[in-house]
Amino acid sequence: MLKELLAAGKSGDKVRLFIANRSGLYEIEAILNQKSEKSFQITPKQ
């Protein structure tokens, strides 16, 4: 779902992400860029 939402945005659009973990809830604002290739990898914690 996140991938589709980000793909619908345009370069320069601002998005707000909310991240929750045991420490609390964090809000991050990011500006979308033109680069569409995956530059990250999510791996399970061992």
N, C-alpha and C. Protein backbone atom coordinates (compact mmCIF):
# COMPACT_ATOMS: atom_id res chain seq x y z
N MET A 1 0.82 -1.19 0.00
CA MET A 1 0.00 0.00 0.00
C MET A 1 0.87 1.26 0.00
N LEU A 2 1.91 1.29 0.81
CA LEU A 2 2.79 2.46 0.86
C LEU A 2 3.44 2.70 -0.49
N LYS A 3 3.87 1.64 -1.14
CA LYS A 3 4.52 1.76 -2.45
C LYS A 3 3.60 2.44 -3.45
N GLU A 4 2.34 2.06 -3.48
CA GLU A 4 1.38 2.64 -4.41
C GLU A 4 1.09 4.10 -4.08
N LEU A 5 0.99 4.42 -2.80
CA LEU A 5 0.74 5.80 -2.40
C LEU A 5 1.90 6.71 -2.79
N LEU A 6 3.12 6.24 -2.57
CA LEU A 6 4.29 7.04 -2.93
C LEU A 6 4.43 7.17 -4.45
N ALA A 7 4.09 6.11 -5.18
CA ALA A 7 4.17 6.15 -6.65
C ALA A 7 3.18 7.16 -7.23
N ALA A 8 2.07 7.40 -6.54
CA ALA A 8 1.06 8.34 -7.03
C ALA A 8 1.49 9.79 -6.82
N GLY A 9 2.49 10.01 -5.97
CA GLY A 9 2.96 11.37 -5.71
C GLY A 9 3.85 11.88 -6.83
N LYS A 10 4.08 13.19 -6.81
CA LYS A 10 4.94 13.83 -7.80
C LYS A 10 6.21 14.30 -7.12
N SER A 11 7.27 14.48 -7.91
CA SER A 11 8.52 15.00 -7.39
C SER A 11 8.26 16.36 -6.73
N GLY A 12 8.75 16.53 -5.53
CA GLY A 12 8.55 17.78 -4.79
C GLY A 12 7.39 17.73 -3.81
N ASP A 13 6.50 16.74 -3.93
CA ASP A 13 5.40 16.59 -2.97
C ASP A 13 5.96 16.27 -1.59
N LYS A 14 5.31 16.81 -0.57
CA LYS A 14 5.68 16.48 0.81
C LYS A 14 4.72 15.43 1.34
N VAL A 15 5.27 14.45 2.04
CA VAL A 15 4.45 13.42 2.68
C VAL A 15 4.82 13.34 4.15
N ARG A 16 3.84 13.00 4.97
CA ARG A 16 4.09 12.81 6.40
C ARG A 16 3.97 11.33 6.70
N LEU A 17 4.98 10.80 7.37
CA LEU A 17 4.98 9.40 7.78
C LEU A 17 4.90 9.34 9.29
N PHE A 18 4.09 8.43 9.79
CA PHE A 18 3.99 8.22 11.23
C PHE A 18 4.54 6.84 11.53
N ILE A 19 5.51 6.80 12.44
CA ILE A 19 6.18 5.55 12.79
C ILE A 19 5.98 5.31 14.27
N ALA A 20 5.48 4.12 14.61
CA ALA A 20 5.24 3.77 16.01
C ALA A 20 6.14 2.61 16.40
N ASN A 21 6.73 2.72 17.57
CA ASN A 21 7.48 1.61 18.14
C ASN A 21 7.31 1.67 19.66
N ARG A 22 8.07 0.88 20.37
CA ARG A 22 7.92 0.83 21.83
C ARG A 22 8.25 2.16 22.50
N SER A 23 9.09 2.95 21.86
CA SER A 23 9.49 4.24 22.43
C SER A 23 8.44 5.32 22.25
N GLY A 24 7.54 5.14 21.31
CA GLY A 24 6.52 6.15 21.08
C GLY A 24 6.15 6.28 19.62
N LEU A 25 5.49 7.39 19.32
CA LEU A 25 5.01 7.68 17.97
C LEU A 25 5.83 8.84 17.42
N TYR A 26 6.35 8.68 16.20
CA TYR A 26 7.18 9.69 15.58
C TYR A 26 6.58 10.11 14.26
N GLU A 27 6.67 11.40 13.97
CA GLU A 27 6.20 11.93 12.69
C GLU A 27 7.40 12.41 11.90
N ILE A 28 7.48 12.00 10.64
CA ILE A 28 8.57 12.39 9.76
C ILE A 28 7.97 13.00 8.51
N GLU A 29 8.50 14.15 8.09
CA GLU A 29 8.07 14.74 6.83
C GLU A 29 9.17 14.49 5.80
N ALA A 30 8.79 14.03 4.62
CA ALA A 30 9.75 13.75 3.56
C ALA A 30 9.27 14.42 2.27
N ILE A 31 10.23 14.80 1.44
CA ILE A 31 9.93 15.38 0.14
C ILE A 31 10.27 14.33 -0.92
N LEU A 32 9.28 14.05 -1.78
CA LEU A 32 9.48 13.03 -2.81
C LEU A 32 10.45 13.52 -3.87
N ASN A 33 11.22 12.58 -4.41
CA ASN A 33 12.21 12.87 -5.43
C ASN A 33 11.87 12.08 -6.68
N GLN A 34 12.58 12.31 -7.77
CA GLN A 34 12.31 11.61 -9.02
C GLN A 34 12.83 10.19 -9.03
N LYS A 35 13.82 9.87 -8.24
CA LYS A 35 14.42 8.54 -8.25
C LYS A 35 13.35 7.51 -7.88
N SER A 36 13.13 6.54 -8.76
CA SER A 36 12.07 5.57 -8.51
C SER A 36 12.61 4.17 -8.22
N GLU A 37 13.93 3.99 -8.30
CA GLU A 37 14.47 2.67 -7.99
C GLU A 37 14.57 2.49 -6.48
N LYS A 38 14.48 1.27 -6.04
CA LYS A 38 14.50 0.97 -4.61
C LYS A 38 15.91 1.23 -4.07
N SER A 39 16.02 2.11 -3.09
CA SER A 39 17.33 2.42 -2.51
C SER A 39 17.42 1.94 -1.06
N PHE A 40 16.53 1.07 -0.66
CA PHE A 40 16.53 0.56 0.70
C PHE A 40 16.13 -0.91 0.68
N GLN A 41 16.36 -1.56 1.79
CA GLN A 41 15.96 -2.96 1.92
C GLN A 41 15.47 -3.17 3.35
N ILE A 42 14.35 -3.84 3.51
CA ILE A 42 13.80 -4.15 4.82
C ILE A 42 14.08 -5.62 5.10
N THR A 43 14.76 -5.88 6.20
CA THR A 43 15.08 -7.26 6.56
C THR A 43 14.59 -7.52 7.98
N PRO A 44 14.18 -8.75 8.27
CA PRO A 44 13.72 -9.08 9.62
C PRO A 44 14.88 -9.01 10.62
N LYS A 45 14.57 -8.57 11.82
CA LYS A 45 15.56 -8.52 12.89
C LYS A 45 15.79 -9.94 13.40
N GLN A 46 17.06 -10.30 13.54
CA GLN A 46 17.38 -11.66 13.99
C GLN A 46 17.72 -11.69 15.45
